Protein backbone atom coordinates (compact mmCIF):
# COMPACT_ATOMS: atom_id res chain seq x y z
CA UNK A 1 -3.50 -77.06 75.92
CA UNK A 2 -3.94 -73.31 75.85
CA UNK A 3 -3.13 -71.51 72.62
CA UNK A 4 -2.00 -67.95 72.03
CA UNK A 5 -1.84 -66.85 68.39
CA UNK A 6 0.67 -64.22 67.26
CA UNK A 7 -0.10 -62.81 63.82
CA UNK A 8 3.17 -62.23 61.99
CA UNK A 9 5.18 -64.16 59.44
CA UNK A 10 8.47 -62.72 60.68
CA UNK A 11 10.41 -64.82 63.17
CA UNK A 12 12.52 -61.83 64.21
CA UNK A 13 9.43 -59.86 65.28
CA UNK A 14 7.92 -62.89 67.00
CA UNK A 15 11.18 -63.50 68.86
CA UNK A 16 11.34 -59.85 69.96
CA UNK A 17 7.90 -59.99 71.63
CA UNK A 18 7.87 -63.65 72.74
CA UNK A 19 8.48 -62.95 76.44
CA UNK A 20 5.93 -60.11 76.46
CA UNK A 21 3.36 -62.46 74.94
CA UNK A 22 4.13 -65.12 77.54
CA UNK A 23 3.64 -62.60 80.35
CA UNK A 24 0.41 -61.19 78.90
CA UNK A 25 -2.56 -62.16 81.02
CA UNK A 26 -5.19 -62.51 78.31
CA UNK A 27 -8.63 -63.99 78.80
CA UNK A 28 -10.05 -66.52 76.31
CA UNK A 29 -10.85 -64.89 72.95
CA UNK A 30 -9.21 -61.65 74.05
CA UNK A 31 -7.14 -59.79 71.49
CA UNK A 32 -4.42 -57.22 72.07
CA UNK A 33 -1.59 -55.55 70.17
CA UNK A 34 1.98 -55.91 71.42
CA UNK A 35 4.60 -53.78 69.68
CA UNK A 36 2.34 -53.48 66.64
CA UNK A 37 1.59 -57.23 66.38
CA UNK A 38 -1.89 -58.68 66.97
CA UNK A 39 -1.96 -61.34 69.69
CA UNK A 40 -5.04 -63.42 70.54
CA UNK A 41 -5.78 -65.81 73.39
CA UNK A 42 -7.32 -68.59 71.32
CA UNK A 43 -8.47 -70.79 74.19
CA UNK A 44 -7.95 -74.52 74.48
CA UNK A 45 -6.94 -76.86 71.67
CA UNK A 46 -7.13 -80.66 71.86
CA UNK A 47 -4.02 -82.84 71.84
CA UNK A 48 -4.84 -84.19 68.38
CA UNK A 49 -4.52 -80.62 67.00
CA UNK A 50 -0.81 -80.63 67.83
CA UNK A 51 -0.37 -84.08 66.30
CA UNK A 52 -2.19 -83.02 63.14
CA UNK A 53 -0.15 -79.82 62.81
CA UNK A 54 3.14 -81.69 63.33
CA UNK A 55 2.37 -83.86 60.32
CA UNK A 56 1.86 -80.92 57.96
CA UNK A 57 4.72 -79.96 55.65
CA UNK A 58 3.99 -76.22 55.89
CA UNK A 59 4.29 -76.09 59.70
CA UNK A 60 7.49 -75.45 61.64
CA UNK A 61 7.48 -76.93 65.16
CA UNK A 62 9.68 -75.43 67.90
CA UNK A 63 9.99 -76.35 71.57
CA UNK A 64 10.71 -74.14 74.56
CA UNK A 65 10.76 -76.42 77.60
CA UNK A 66 7.16 -77.72 77.86
CA UNK A 67 5.84 -75.10 75.44
CA UNK A 68 5.36 -75.89 71.76
CA UNK A 69 5.47 -73.15 69.14
CA UNK A 70 3.97 -73.72 65.71
CA UNK A 71 4.64 -71.45 62.76
CA UNK A 72 2.62 -71.60 59.57
CA UNK A 73 2.15 -68.90 56.98
CA UNK A 74 1.51 -65.65 58.89
CA UNK A 75 0.83 -66.97 62.39
CA UNK A 76 2.78 -68.37 65.32
CA UNK A 77 0.81 -70.44 67.82
CA UNK A 78 2.18 -70.84 71.33
CA UNK A 79 0.77 -73.99 72.95
CA UNK A 80 0.98 -74.15 76.73
CA UNK A 81 0.43 -77.44 78.60
CA UNK A 82 -2.67 -77.36 80.79
CA UNK A 83 -0.53 -76.94 83.92
CA UNK A 84 1.51 -74.10 82.36
CA UNK A 85 0.74 -70.41 82.66
CA UNK A 86 1.90 -67.77 80.17
CA UNK A 87 4.12 -66.06 82.74
CA UNK A 88 6.19 -69.22 83.30
CA UNK A 89 9.77 -68.09 82.76
CA UNK A 90 11.77 -69.46 79.83
CA UNK A 91 15.13 -68.53 78.45
CA UNK A 92 14.97 -70.00 74.96
CA UNK A 93 14.39 -67.54 72.09
CA UNK A 94 15.91 -64.66 74.03
């Protein structure tokens, strides 16, 4: 799975830039700022990472079609399936 990290603890700000983040064409380890929020292409994460994060009490897990969004402390992590690209269109969280 590919992971994009969005560094904010505010769901409203994350929600406002979610589609822009999905459309961003970042390379691995590339960092950018979208509407004042730092966004990083974090590369690939193994399947067991998602399972481990789901079991933590301090992590909120959200789904948007095949995409999983994790929120913990001051970061949202958008996990794309290997076949998914960030510009795949979704209508949830709009």
